[in-house]
């Protein structure tokens, strides 16, 4: 159990030190998956006497699963941002057309 704690603390230290730029959603999910997988693998591995191996295997599996989930989430975020950008453009065009209609009404009155 002590080796698993050392592994987790070391992993956290490496992850935190590598964060010079903001992490993407994919990277965050991969990190969470790796840590969760390592913890679960370490617990399962300790029951059979190989906590380190269990943590390594669980971490690798968690990393892969977390990256897949994070990729899907990041794709959804990008689609949402694109839809918001299109909505803003449409709203700006509608406002421009309203101003033009008001201008034409005023011109017609004179």
PDB file of N, CA and C in Angstrom:
ATOM      1  N   UNK A   1       0.821  -1.190   0.000  1.00  0.00           N
ATOM      2  CA  UNK A   1       0.000   0.000   0.000  1.00  0.00           C
ATOM      3  C   UNK A   1       0.872   1.264   0.000  1.00  0.00           C
ATOM      4  N   UNK A   2       2.029   1.167   0.672  1.00  0.00           N
ATOM      5  CA  UNK A   2       2.914   2.325   0.724  1.00  0.00           C
ATOM      6  C   UNK A   2       3.455   2.660  -0.665  1.00  0.00           C
ATOM      7  N   UNK A   3       3.764   1.629  -1.455  1.00  0.00           N
ATOM      8  CA  UNK A   3       4.281   1.883  -2.799  1.00  0.00           C
ATOM      9  C   UNK A   3       3.229   2.534  -3.686  1.00  0.00           C
ATOM     10  N   UNK A   4       1.944   2.190  -3.464  1.00  0.00           N
ATOM     11  CA  UNK A   4       0.878   2.801  -4.248  1.00  0.00           C
ATOM     12  C   UNK A   4       0.761   4.291  -3.906  1.00  0.00           C
ATOM     13  N   UNK A   5       0.878   4.623  -2.632  1.00  0.00           N
ATOM     14  CA  UNK A   5       0.797   6.036  -2.239  1.00  0.00           C
ATOM     15  C   UNK A   5       1.943   6.823  -2.855  1.00  0.00           C
ATOM     16  N   UNK A   6       3.129   6.243  -2.837  1.00  0.00           N
ATOM     17  CA  UNK A   6       4.289   6.909  -3.434  1.00  0.00           C
ATOM     18  C   UNK A   6       4.063   7.099  -4.932  1.00  0.00           C
ATOM     19  N   UNK A   7       3.525   6.077  -5.596  1.00  0.00           N
ATOM     20  CA  UNK A   7       3.244   6.159  -7.030  1.00  0.00           C
ATOM     21  C   UNK A   7       2.249   7.270  -7.329  1.00  0.00           C
ATOM     22  N   UNK A   8       1.183   7.333  -6.545  1.00  0.00           N
ATOM     23  CA  UNK A   8       0.146   8.344  -6.777  1.00  0.00           C
ATOM     24  C   UNK A   8       0.691   9.744  -6.530  1.00  0.00           C
ATOM     25  N   UNK A   9       1.440   9.927  -5.443  1.00  0.00           N
ATOM     26  CA  UNK A   9       2.004  11.248  -5.141  1.00  0.00           C
ATOM     27  C   UNK A   9       2.983  11.658  -6.228  1.00  0.00           C
ATOM     28  N   UNK A  10       3.810  10.716  -6.674  1.00  0.00           N
ATOM     29  CA  UNK A  10       4.770  11.017  -7.735  1.00  0.00           C
ATOM     30  C   UNK A  10       4.043  11.367  -9.032  1.00  0.00           C
ATOM     31  N   UNK A  11       3.001  10.617  -9.342  1.00  0.00           N
ATOM     32  CA  UNK A  11       2.225  10.903 -10.555  1.00  0.00           C
ATOM     33  C   UNK A  11       1.596  12.278 -10.497  1.00  0.00           C
ATOM     34  N   UNK A  12       1.020  12.610  -9.348  1.00  0.00           N
ATOM     35  CA  UNK A  12       0.415  13.936  -9.199  1.00  0.00           C
ATOM     36  C   UNK A  12       1.455  15.038  -9.352  1.00  0.00           C
ATOM     37  N   UNK A  13       2.627  14.836  -8.760  1.00  0.00           N
ATOM     38  CA  UNK A  13       3.687  15.846  -8.865  1.00  0.00           C
ATOM     39  C   UNK A  13       4.115  16.039 -10.312  1.00  0.00           C
ATOM     40  N   UNK A  14       4.244  14.945 -11.061  1.00  0.00           N
ATOM     41  CA  UNK A  14       4.627  15.050 -12.473  1.00  0.00           C
ATOM     42  C   UNK A  14       3.552  15.746 -13.290  1.00  0.00           C
ATOM     43  N   UNK A  15       2.309  15.397 -13.036  1.00  0.00           N
ATOM     44  CA  UNK A  15       1.208  16.014 -13.778  1.00  0.00           C
ATOM     45  C   UNK A  15       1.155  17.515 -13.486  1.00  0.00           C
ATOM     46  N   UNK A  16       1.275  17.888 -12.241  1.00  0.00           N
ATOM     47  CA  UNK A  16       1.176  19.300 -11.877  1.00  0.00           C
ATOM     48  C   UNK A  16       2.366  20.098 -12.419  1.00  0.00           C
ATOM     49  N   UNK A  17       3.545  19.511 -12.432  1.00  0.00           N
ATOM     50  CA  UNK A  17       4.710  20.245 -12.924  1.00  0.00           C
ATOM     51  C   UNK A  17       4.689  20.402 -14.440  1.00  0.00           C
ATOM     52  N   UNK A  18       3.985  19.540 -15.133  1.00  0.00           N
ATOM     53  CA  UNK A  18       3.933  19.604 -16.593  1.00  0.00           C
ATOM     54  C   UNK A  18       2.870  20.575 -17.092  1.00  0.00           C
ATOM     55  N   UNK A  19       2.176  21.228 -16.212  1.00  0.00           N
ATOM     56  CA  UNK A  19       1.046  22.078 -16.595  1.00  0.00           C
ATOM     57  C   UNK A  19       1.478  23.527 -16.822  1.00  0.00           C
ATOM     58  N   UNK A  20       2.346  23.755 -17.805  1.00  0.00           N
ATOM     59  CA  UNK A  20       2.780  25.114 -18.103  1.00  0.00           C
ATOM     60  C   UNK A  20       1.679  25.883 -18.828  1.00  0.00           C
ATOM     61  N   UNK A  21       0.904  25.182 -19.627  1.00  0.00           N
ATOM     62  CA  UNK A  21      -0.219  25.798 -20.331  1.00  0.00           C
ATOM     63  C   UNK A  21      -1.511  25.167 -19.825  1.00  0.00           C
ATOM     64  N   UNK A  22      -2.626  25.846 -20.008  1.00  0.00           N
ATOM     65  CA  UNK A  22      -3.894  25.252 -19.558  1.00  0.00           C
ATOM     66  C   UNK A  22      -4.154  23.924 -20.267  1.00  0.00           C
ATOM     67  N   UNK A  23      -4.656  22.973 -19.512  1.00  0.00           N
ATOM     68  CA  UNK A  23      -4.951  21.656 -20.074  1.00  0.00           C
ATOM     69  C   UNK A  23      -6.239  21.686 -20.871  1.00  0.00           C
ATOM     70  N   UNK A  24      -6.267  20.907 -21.936  1.00  0.00           N
ATOM     71  CA  UNK A  24      -7.496  20.756 -22.702  1.00  0.00           C
ATOM     72  C   UNK A  24      -8.415  19.803 -21.954  1.00  0.00           C
ATOM     73  N   UNK A  25      -9.651  19.743 -22.374  1.00  0.00           N
ATOM     74  CA  UNK A  25     -10.607  18.819 -21.766  1.00  0.00           C
ATOM     75  C   UNK A  25     -10.117  17.386 -21.924  1.00  0.00           C
ATOM     76  N   UNK A  26      -9.566  17.063 -23.082  1.00  0.00           N
ATOM     77  CA  UNK A  26      -9.051  15.711 -23.334  1.00  0.00           C
ATOM     78  C   UNK A  26      -7.936  15.384 -22.350  1.00  0.00           C
ATOM     79  N   UNK A  27      -7.025  16.315 -22.127  1.00  0.00           N
ATOM     80  CA  UNK A  27      -5.904  16.080 -21.216  1.00  0.00           C
ATOM     81  C   UNK A  27      -6.368  15.955 -19.768  1.00  0.00           C
ATOM     82  N   UNK A  28      -7.332  16.786 -19.388  1.00  0.00           N
ATOM     83  CA  UNK A  28      -7.862  16.690 -18.022  1.00  0.00           C
ATOM     84  C   UNK A  28      -8.508  15.329 -17.782  1.00  0.00           C
ATOM     85  N   UNK A  29      -9.328  14.888 -18.725  1.00  0.00           N
ATOM     86  CA  UNK A  29     -10.013  13.607 -18.577  1.00  0.00           C
ATOM     87  C   UNK A  29      -9.007  12.454 -18.573  1.00  0.00           C
ATOM     88  N   UNK A  30      -7.969  12.540 -19.394  1.00  0.00           N
ATOM     89  CA  UNK A  30      -6.950  11.492 -19.423  1.00  0.00           C
ATOM     90  C   UNK A  30      -6.222  11.425 -18.087  1.00  0.00           C
ATOM     91  N   UNK A  31      -5.897  12.583 -17.511  1.00  0.00           N
ATOM     92  CA  UNK A  31      -5.235  12.616 -16.210  1.00  0.00           C
ATOM     93  C   UNK A  31      -6.100  12.050 -15.103  1.00  0.00           C
ATOM     94  N   UNK A  32      -7.355  12.430 -15.104  1.00  0.00           N
ATOM     95  CA  UNK A  32      -8.283  11.909 -14.098  1.00  0.00           C
ATOM     96  C   UNK A  32      -8.435  10.403 -14.265  1.00  0.00           C
ATOM     97  N   UNK A  33      -8.557   9.943 -15.500  1.00  0.00           N
ATOM     98  CA  UNK A  33      -8.675   8.510 -15.761  1.00  0.00           C
ATOM     99  C   UNK A  33      -7.437   7.750 -15.313  1.00  0.00           C
ATOM    100  N   UNK A  34      -6.269   8.314 -15.596  1.00  0.00           N
ATOM    101  CA  UNK A  34      -5.022   7.651 -15.212  1.00  0.00           C
ATOM    102  C   UNK A  34      -4.900   7.544 -13.693  1.00  0.00           C
ATOM    103  N   UNK A  35      -5.201   8.639 -13.000  1.00  0.00           N
ATOM    104  CA  UNK A  35      -5.101   8.602 -11.538  1.00  0.00           C
ATOM    105  C   UNK A  35      -6.140   7.675 -10.930  1.00  0.00           C
ATOM    106  N   UNK A  36      -7.355   7.744 -11.439  1.00  0.00           N
ATOM    107  CA  UNK A  36      -8.402   6.856 -10.936  1.00  0.00           C
ATOM    108  C   UNK A  36      -8.081   5.400 -11.234  1.00  0.00           C
ATOM    109  N   UNK A  37      -7.590   5.137 -12.429  1.00  0.00           N
ATOM    110  CA  UNK A  37      -7.216   3.776 -12.807  1.00  0.00           C
ATOM    111  C   UNK A  37      -6.049   3.256 -11.983  1.00  0.00           C
ATOM    112  N   UNK A  38      -5.075   4.127 -11.713  1.00  0.00           N
ATOM    113  CA  UNK A  38      -3.929   3.721 -10.896  1.00  0.00           C
ATOM    114  C   UNK A  38      -4.365   3.402  -9.474  1.00  0.00           C
ATOM    115  N   UNK A  39      -5.247   4.219  -8.937  1.00  0.00           N
ATOM    116  CA  UNK A  39      -5.735   3.971  -7.576  1.00  0.00           C
ATOM    117  C   UNK A  39      -6.514   2.657  -7.520  1.00  0.00           C
ATOM    118  N   UNK A  40      -7.425   2.469  -8.466  1.00  0.00           N
ATOM    119  CA  UNK A  40      -8.219   1.239  -8.491  1.00  0.00           C
ATOM    120  C   UNK A  40      -7.318   0.032  -8.748  1.00  0.00           C
ATOM    121  N   UNK A  41      -6.396   0.167  -9.683  1.00  0.00           N
ATOM    122  CA  UNK A  41      -5.474  -0.929  -9.989  1.00  0.00           C
ATOM    123  C   UNK A  41      -4.570  -1.265  -8.816  1.00  0.00           C
ATOM    124  N   UNK A  42      -4.153  -0.231  -8.098  1.00  0.00           N
ATOM    125  CA  UNK A  42      -3.319  -0.460  -6.918  1.00  0.00           C
ATOM    126  C   UNK A  42      -4.070  -1.213  -5.831  1.00  0.00           C
ATOM    127  N   UNK A  43      -5.320  -0.856  -5.647  1.00  0.00           N
ATOM    128  CA  UNK A  43      -6.146  -1.538  -4.642  1.00  0.00           C
ATOM    129  C   UNK A  43      -6.354  -2.995  -5.039  1.00  0.00           C
ATOM    130  N   UNK A  44      -6.728  -3.217  -6.300  1.00  0.00           N
ATOM    131  CA  UNK A  44      -6.939  -4.590  -6.775  1.00  0.00           C
ATOM    132  C   UNK A  44      -5.622  -5.359  -6.736  1.00  0.00           C
ATOM    133  N   UNK A  45      -4.548  -4.724  -7.182  1.00  0.00           N
ATOM    134  CA  UNK A  45      -3.246  -5.384  -7.184  1.00  0.00           C
ATOM    135  C   UNK A  45      -2.748  -5.726  -5.801  1.00  0.00           C
ATOM    136  N   UNK A  46      -3.058  -4.891  -4.813  1.00  0.00           N
ATOM    137  CA  UNK A  46      -2.598  -5.170  -3.453  1.00  0.00           C
ATOM    138  C   UNK A  46      -3.274  -6.398  -2.863  1.00  0.00           C
ATOM    139  N   UNK A  47      -4.462  -6.721  -3.352  1.00  0.00           N
ATOM    140  CA  UNK A  47      -5.140  -7.916  -2.836  1.00  0.00           C
ATOM    141  C   UNK A  47      -4.456  -9.192  -3.322  1.00  0.00           C
ATOM    142  N   UNK A  48      -3.728  -9.117  -4.428  1.00  0.00           N
ATOM    143  CA  UNK A  48      -3.007 -10.284  -4.922  1.00  0.00           C
ATOM    144  C   UNK A  48      -1.497 -10.138  -4.738  1.00  0.00           C
ATOM    145  N   UNK A  49      -1.095  -9.094  -4.039  1.00  0.00           N
ATOM    146  CA  UNK A  49       0.311  -8.918  -3.703  1.00  0.00           C
ATOM    147  C   UNK A  49       1.143  -8.161  -4.719  1.00  0.00           C
ATOM    148  N   UNK A  50       0.528  -7.498  -5.676  1.00  0.00           N
ATOM    149  CA  UNK A  50       1.276  -6.756  -6.699  1.00  0.00           C
ATOM    150  C   UNK A  50       0.640  -5.372  -6.899  1.00  0.00           C
ATOM    151  N   UNK A  51       0.722  -4.554  -5.859  1.00  0.00           N
ATOM    152  CA  UNK A  51       0.082  -3.239  -5.915  1.00  0.00           C
ATOM    153  C   UNK A  51       0.683  -2.358  -7.007  1.00  0.00           C
ATOM    154  N   UNK A  52       2.001  -2.392  -7.155  1.00  0.00           N
ATOM    155  CA  UNK A  52       2.661  -1.561  -8.167  1.00  0.00           C
ATOM    156  C   UNK A  52       2.250  -1.933  -9.581  1.00  0.00           C
ATOM    157  N   UNK A  53       2.216  -3.217  -9.856  1.00  0.00           N
ATOM    158  CA  UNK A  53       1.814  -3.675 -11.186  1.00  0.00           C
ATOM    159  C   UNK A  53       0.347  -3.339 -11.443  1.00  0.00           C
ATOM    160  N   UNK A  54      -0.480  -3.544 -10.418  1.00  0.00           N
ATOM    161  CA  UNK A  54      -1.896  -3.212 -10.564  1.00  0.00           C
ATOM    162  C   UNK A  54      -2.101  -1.737 -10.830  1.00  0.00           C
ATOM    163  N   UNK A  55      -1.328  -0.894 -10.118  1.00  0.00           N
ATOM    164  CA  UNK A  55      -1.443   0.552 -10.320  1.00  0.00           C
ATOM    165  C   UNK A  55      -0.992   0.948 -11.717  1.00  0.00           C
ATOM    166  N   UNK A  56       0.083   0.329 -12.195  1.00  0.00           N
ATOM    167  CA  UNK A  56       0.579   0.659 -13.535  1.00  0.00           C
ATOM    168  C   UNK A  56      -0.427   0.241 -14.608  1.00  0.00           C
ATOM    169  N   UNK A  57      -0.941  -0.965 -14.481  1.00  0.00           N
ATOM    170  CA  UNK A  57      -1.919  -1.445 -15.467  1.00  0.00           C
ATOM    171  C   UNK A  57      -3.197  -0.616 -15.401  1.00  0.00           C
ATOM    172  N   UNK A  58      -3.679  -0.364 -14.184  1.00  0.00           N
ATOM    173  CA  UNK A  58      -4.893   0.448 -14.019  1.00  0.00           C
ATOM    174  C   UNK A  58      -4.699   1.861 -14.519  1.00  0.00           C
ATOM    175  N   UNK A  59      -3.521   2.410 -14.280  1.00  0.00           N
ATOM    176  CA  UNK A  59      -3.237   3.759 -14.764  1.00  0.00           C
ATOM    177  C   UNK A  59      -3.254   3.839 -16.280  1.00  0.00           C
ATOM    178  N   UNK A  60      -2.658   2.825 -16.923  1.00  0.00           N
ATOM    179  CA  UNK A  60      -2.640   2.811 -18.394  1.00  0.00           C
ATOM    180  C   UNK A  60      -4.048   2.662 -18.954  1.00  0.00           C
ATOM    181  N   UNK A  61      -4.824   1.748 -18.372  1.00  0.00           N
ATOM    182  CA  UNK A  61      -6.201   1.573 -18.842  1.00  0.00           C
ATOM    183  C   UNK A  61      -7.041   2.830 -18.577  1.00  0.00           C
ATOM    184  N   UNK A  62      -6.866   3.415 -17.406  1.00  0.00           N
ATOM    185  CA  UNK A  62      -7.604   4.639 -17.070  1.00  0.00           C
ATOM    186  C   UNK A  62      -7.225   5.796 -17.978  1.00  0.00           C
ATOM    187  N   UNK A  63      -5.943   5.870 -18.322  1.00  0.00           N
ATOM    188  CA  UNK A  63      -5.478   6.921 -19.230  1.00  0.00           C
ATOM    189  C   UNK A  63      -6.174   6.805 -20.577  1.00  0.00           C
ATOM    190  N   UNK A  64      -6.217   5.592 -21.109  1.00  0.00           N
ATOM    191  CA  UNK A  64      -6.873   5.386 -22.407  1.00  0.00           C
ATOM    192  C   UNK A  64      -8.355   5.706 -22.359  1.00  0.00           C
ATOM    193  N   UNK A  65      -9.026   5.203 -21.332  1.00  0.00           N
ATOM    194  CA  UNK A  65     -10.466   5.456 -21.206  1.00  0.00           C
ATOM    195  C   UNK A  65     -10.741   6.941 -20.992  1.00  0.00           C
ATOM    196  N   UNK A  66      -9.945   7.573 -20.140  1.00  0.00           N
ATOM    197  CA  UNK A  66     -10.130   9.001 -19.888  1.00  0.00           C
ATOM    198  C   UNK A  66      -9.895   9.840 -21.126  1.00  0.00           C
ATOM    199  N   UNK A  67      -8.899   9.462 -21.924  1.00  0.00           N
ATOM    200  CA  UNK A  67      -8.618  10.202 -23.163  1.00  0.00           C
ATOM    201  C   UNK A  67      -9.771  10.076 -24.149  1.00  0.00           C
ATOM    202  N   UNK A  68     -10.351   8.884 -24.238  1.00  0.00           N
ATOM    203  CA  UNK A  68     -11.498   8.702 -25.146  1.00  0.00           C
ATOM    204  C   UNK A  68     -12.694   9.547 -24.713  1.00  0.00           C
ATOM    205  N   UNK A  69     -12.992   9.514 -23.422  1.00  0.00           N
ATOM    206  CA  UNK A  69     -14.111  10.308 -22.907  1.00  0.00           C
ATOM    207  C   UNK A  69     -13.815  11.795 -23.090  1.00  0.00           C
ATOM    208  N   UNK A  70     -12.592  12.196 -22.767  1.00  0.00           N
ATOM    209  CA  UNK A  70     -12.208  13.600 -22.911  1.00  0.00           C
ATOM    210  C   UNK A  70     -12.271  14.083 -24.343  1.00  0.00           C
ATOM    211  N   UNK A  71     -11.919  13.217 -25.281  1.00  0.00           N
ATOM    212  CA  UNK A  71     -11.991  13.571 -26.699  1.00  0.00           C
ATOM    213  C   UNK A  71     -13.429  13.857 -27.106  1.00  0.00           C
ATOM    214  N   UNK A  72     -14.349  13.020 -26.642  1.00  0.00           N
ATOM    215  CA  UNK A  72     -15.772  13.233 -26.950  1.00  0.00           C
ATOM    216  C   UNK A  72     -16.265  14.541 -26.335  1.00  0.00           C
ATOM    217  N   UNK A  73     -15.888  14.787 -25.090  1.00  0.00           N
ATOM    218  CA  UNK A  73     -16.311  16.027 -24.425  1.00  0.00           C
ATOM    219  C   UNK A  73     -15.739  17.252 -25.127  1.00  0.00           C
ATOM    220  N   UNK A  74     -14.475  17.159 -25.534  1.00  0.00           N
ATOM    221  CA  UNK A  74     -13.849  18.293 -26.207  1.00  0.00           C
ATOM    222  C   UNK A  74     -14.515  18.550 -27.557  1.00  0.00           C
ATOM    223  N   UNK A  75     -14.884  17.499 -28.263  1.00  0.00           N
ATOM    224  CA  UNK A  75     -15.586  17.673 -29.541  1.00  0.00           C
ATOM    225  C   UNK A  75     -16.922  18.374 -29.333  1.00  0.00           C
ATOM    226  N   UNK A  76     -17.632  17.995 -28.283  1.00  0.00           N
ATOM    227  CA  UNK A  76     -18.910  18.642 -27.980  1.00  0.00           C
ATOM    228  C   UNK A  76     -18.708  20.109 -27.630  1.00  0.00           C
ATOM    229  N   UNK A  77     -17.658  20.410 -26.856  1.00  0.00           N
ATOM    230  CA  UNK A  77     -17.374  21.807 -26.506  1.00  0.00           C
ATOM    231  C   UNK A  77     -17.084  22.634 -27.760  1.00  0.00           C
ATOM    232  N   UNK A  78     -16.307  22.066 -28.676  1.00  0.00           N
ATOM    233  CA  UNK A  78     -15.968  22.794 -29.904  1.00  0.00           C
ATOM    234  C   UNK A  78     -17.206  23.041 -30.759  1.00  0.00           C
ATOM    235  N   UNK A  79     -18.095  22.046 -30.849  1.00  0.00           N
ATOM    236  CA  UNK A  79     -19.340  22.230 -31.595  1.00  0.00           C
ATOM    237  C   UNK A  79     -20.192  23.319 -30.961  1.00  0.00           C
ATOM    238  N   UNK A  80     -20.253  23.323 -29.640  1.00  0.00           N
ATOM    239  CA  UNK A  80     -21.055  24.325 -28.939  1.00  0.00           C
ATOM    240  C   UNK A  80     -20.486  25.721 -29.171  1.00  0.00           C
ATOM    241  N   UNK A  81     -19.168  25.855 -29.129  1.00  0.00           N
ATOM    242  CA  UNK A  81     -18.554  27.158 -29.386  1.00  0.00           C
ATOM    243  C   UNK A  81     -18.858  27.643 -30.803  1.00  0.00           C
ATOM    244  N   UNK A  82     -18.821  26.745 -31.766  1.00  0.00           N
ATOM    245  CA  UNK A  82     -19.127  27.110 -33.151  1.00  0.00           C
ATOM    246  C   UNK A  82     -20.584  27.545 -33.282  1.00  0.00           C
ATOM    247  N   UNK A  83     -21.493  26.835 -32.627  1.00  0.00           N
ATOM    248  CA  UNK A  83     -22.909  27.214 -32.662  1.00  0.00           C
ATOM    249  C   UNK A  83     -23.120  28.583 -32.007  1.00  0.00           C
ATOM    250  N   UNK A  84     -22.427  28.837 -30.901  1.00  0.00           N
ATOM    251  CA  UNK A  84     -22.539  30.142 -30.246  1.00  0.00           C
ATOM    252  C   UNK A  84     -22.018  31.252 -31.154  1.00  0.00           C
ATOM    253  N   UNK A  85     -20.916  30.990 -31.857  1.00  0.00           N
ATOM    254  CA  UNK A  85     -20.358  31.986 -32.776  1.00  0.00           C
ATOM    255  C   UNK A  85     -21.350  32.281 -33.896  1.00  0.00           C
ATOM    256  N   UNK A  86     -21.967  31.236 -34.434  1.00  0.00           N
ATOM    257  CA  UNK A  86     -22.951  31.427 -35.502  1.00  0.00           C
ATOM    258  C   UNK A  86     -24.166  32.189 -34.989  1.00  0.00           C
ATOM    259  N   UNK A  87     -24.593  31.904 -33.783  1.00  0.00           N
ATOM    260  CA  UNK A  87     -25.725  32.606 -33.185  1.00  0.00           C
ATOM    261  C   UNK A  87     -25.407  34.093 -33.007  1.00  0.00           C
ATOM    262  N   UNK A  88     -24.208  34.394 -32.540  1.00  0.00           N
ATOM    263  CA  UNK A  88     -23.808  35.796 -32.386  1.00  0.00           C
ATOM    264  C   UNK A  88     -23.792  36.525 -33.729  1.00  0.00           C
ATOM    265  N   UNK A  89     -23.317  35.856 -34.776  1.00  0.00           N
ATOM    266  CA  UNK A  89     -23.305  36.462 -36.104  1.00  0.00           C
ATOM    267  C   UNK A  89     -24.728  36.725 -36.586  1.00  0.00           C
ATOM    268  N   UNK A  90     -25.618  35.786 -36.358  1.00  0.00           N
ATOM    269  CA  UNK A  90     -27.018  35.947 -36.772  1.00  0.00           C
ATOM    270  C   UNK A  90     -27.670  37.096 -36.028  1.00  0.00           C
ATOM    271  N   UNK A  91     -27.414  37.177 -34.719  1.00  0.00           N
ATOM    272  CA  UNK A  91     -27.979  38.267 -33.923  1.00  0.00           C
ATOM    273  C   UNK A  91     -27.452  39.610 -34.388  1.00  0.00           C
ATOM    274  N   UNK A  92     -26.171  39.685 -34.714  1.00  0.00           N
ATOM    275  CA  UNK A  92     -25.585  40.930 -35.194  1.00  0.00           C
ATOM    276  C   UNK A  92     -26.214  41.336 -36.537  1.00  0.00           C
ATOM    277  N   UNK A  93     -26.438  40.369 -37.405  1.00  0.00           N
ATOM    278  CA  UNK A  93     -27.060  40.656 -38.699  1.00  0.00           C
ATOM    279  C   UNK A  93     -28.502  41.128 -38.511  1.00  0.00           C
ATOM    280  N   UNK A  94     -29.238  40.498 -37.602  1.00  0.00           N
ATOM    281  CA  UNK A  94     -30.615  40.932 -37.327  1.00  0.00           C
ATOM    282  C   UNK A  94     -30.643  42.367 -36.798  1.00  0.00           C
ATOM    283  N   UNK A  95     -29.719  42.690 -35.927  1.00  0.00           N
ATOM    284  CA  UNK A  95     -29.664  44.045 -35.384  1.00  0.00           C
ATOM    285  C   UNK A  95     -29.324  45.054 -36.483  1.00  0.00           C
ATOM    286  N   UNK A  96     -28.410  44.687 -37.383  1.00  0.00           N
ATOM    287  CA  UNK A  96     -28.064  45.568 -38.495  1.00  0.00           C
ATOM    288  C   UNK A  96     -29.286  45.795 -39.377  1.00  0.00           C
ATOM    289  N   UNK A  97     -30.055  44.744 -39.630  1.00  0.00           N
ATOM    290  CA  UNK A  97     -31.244  44.866 -40.466  1.00  0.00           C
ATOM    291  C   UNK A  97     -32.323  45.713 -39.777  1.00  0.00           C
ATOM    292  N   UNK A  98     -32.466  45.598 -38.478  1.00  0.00           N
ATOM    293  CA  UNK A  98     -33.430  46.442 -37.741  1.00  0.00           C
ATOM    294  C   UNK A  98     -33.075  47.916 -37.865  1.00  0.00           C
ATOM    295  N   UNK A  99     -31.780  48.207 -37.714  1.00  0.00           N
ATOM    296  CA  UNK A  99     -31.332  49.600 -37.839  1.00  0.00           C
ATOM    297  C   UNK A  99     -31.593  50.122 -39.247  1.00  0.00           C
ATOM    298  N   UNK A 100     -31.355  49.290 -40.233  1.00  0.00           N
ATOM    299  CA  UNK A 100     -31.588  49.685 -41.631  1.00  0.00           C
ATOM    300  C   UNK A 100     -33.066  49.935 -41.868  1.00  0.00           C
ATOM    301  N   UNK A 101     -33.935  49.106 -41.330  1.00  0.00           N
ATOM    302  CA  UNK A 101     -35.386  49.300 -41.484  1.00  0.00           C
ATOM    303  C   UNK A 101     -35.800  50.618 -40.836  1.00  0.00           C
ATOM    304  N   UNK A 102     -35.292  50.887 -39.654  1.00  0.00           N
ATOM    305  CA  UNK A 102     -35.622  52.148 -38.966  1.00  0.00           C
ATOM    306  C   UNK A 102     -35.123  53.343 -39.771  1.00  0.00           C
ATOM    307  N   UNK A 103     -33.945  53.229 -40.335  1.00  0.00           N
ATOM    308  CA  UNK A 103     -33.395  54.314 -41.146  1.00  0.00           C
ATOM    309  C   UNK A 103     -34.281  54.553 -42.377  1.00  0.00           C
ATOM    310  N   UNK A 104     -34.706  53.490 -43.013  1.00  0.00           N
ATOM    311  CA  UNK A 104     -35.566  53.623 -44.195  1.00  0.00           C
ATOM    312  C   UNK A 104     -36.924  54.221 -43.834  1.00  0.00           C
ATOM    313  N   UNK A 105     -37.462  53.874 -42.676  1.00  0.00           N
ATOM    314  CA  UNK A 105     -38.734  54.452 -42.229  1.00  0.00           C
ATOM    315  C   UNK A 105     -38.603  55.961 -42.036  1.00  0.00           C
ATOM    316  N   UNK A 106     -37.498  56.360 -41.428  1.00  0.00           N
ATOM    317  CA  UNK A 106     -37.272  57.775 -41.189  1.00  0.00           C
ATOM    318  C   UNK A 106     -37.090  58.524 -42.514  1.00  0.00           C
ATOM    319  N   UNK A 107     -36.391  57.954 -43.456  1.00  0.00           N
ATOM    320  CA  UNK A 107     -36.194  58.577 -44.767  1.00  0.00           C
ATOM    321  C   UNK A 107     -37.521  58.727 -45.499  1.00  0.00           C
ATOM    322  N   UNK A 108     -38.386  57.761 -45.381  1.00  0.00           N
ATOM    323  CA  UNK A 108     -39.676  57.775 -46.059  1.00  0.00           C
ATOM    324  C   UNK A 108     -40.570  58.889 -45.488  1.00  0.00           C
ATOM    325  N   UNK A 109     -40.440  59.155 -44.203  1.00  0.00           N
ATOM    326  CA  UNK A 109     -41.260  60.198 -43.573  1.00  0.00           C
ATOM    327  C   UNK A 109     -40.880  61.583 -44.078  1.00  0.00           C
ATOM    328  N   UNK A 110     -39.664  61.791 -44.482  1.00  0.00           N
ATOM    329  CA  UNK A 110     -39.226  63.118 -44.908  1.00  0.00           C
ATOM    330  C   UNK A 110     -39.284  63.240 -46.352  1.00  0.00           C
TER     331      UNK A 110
END
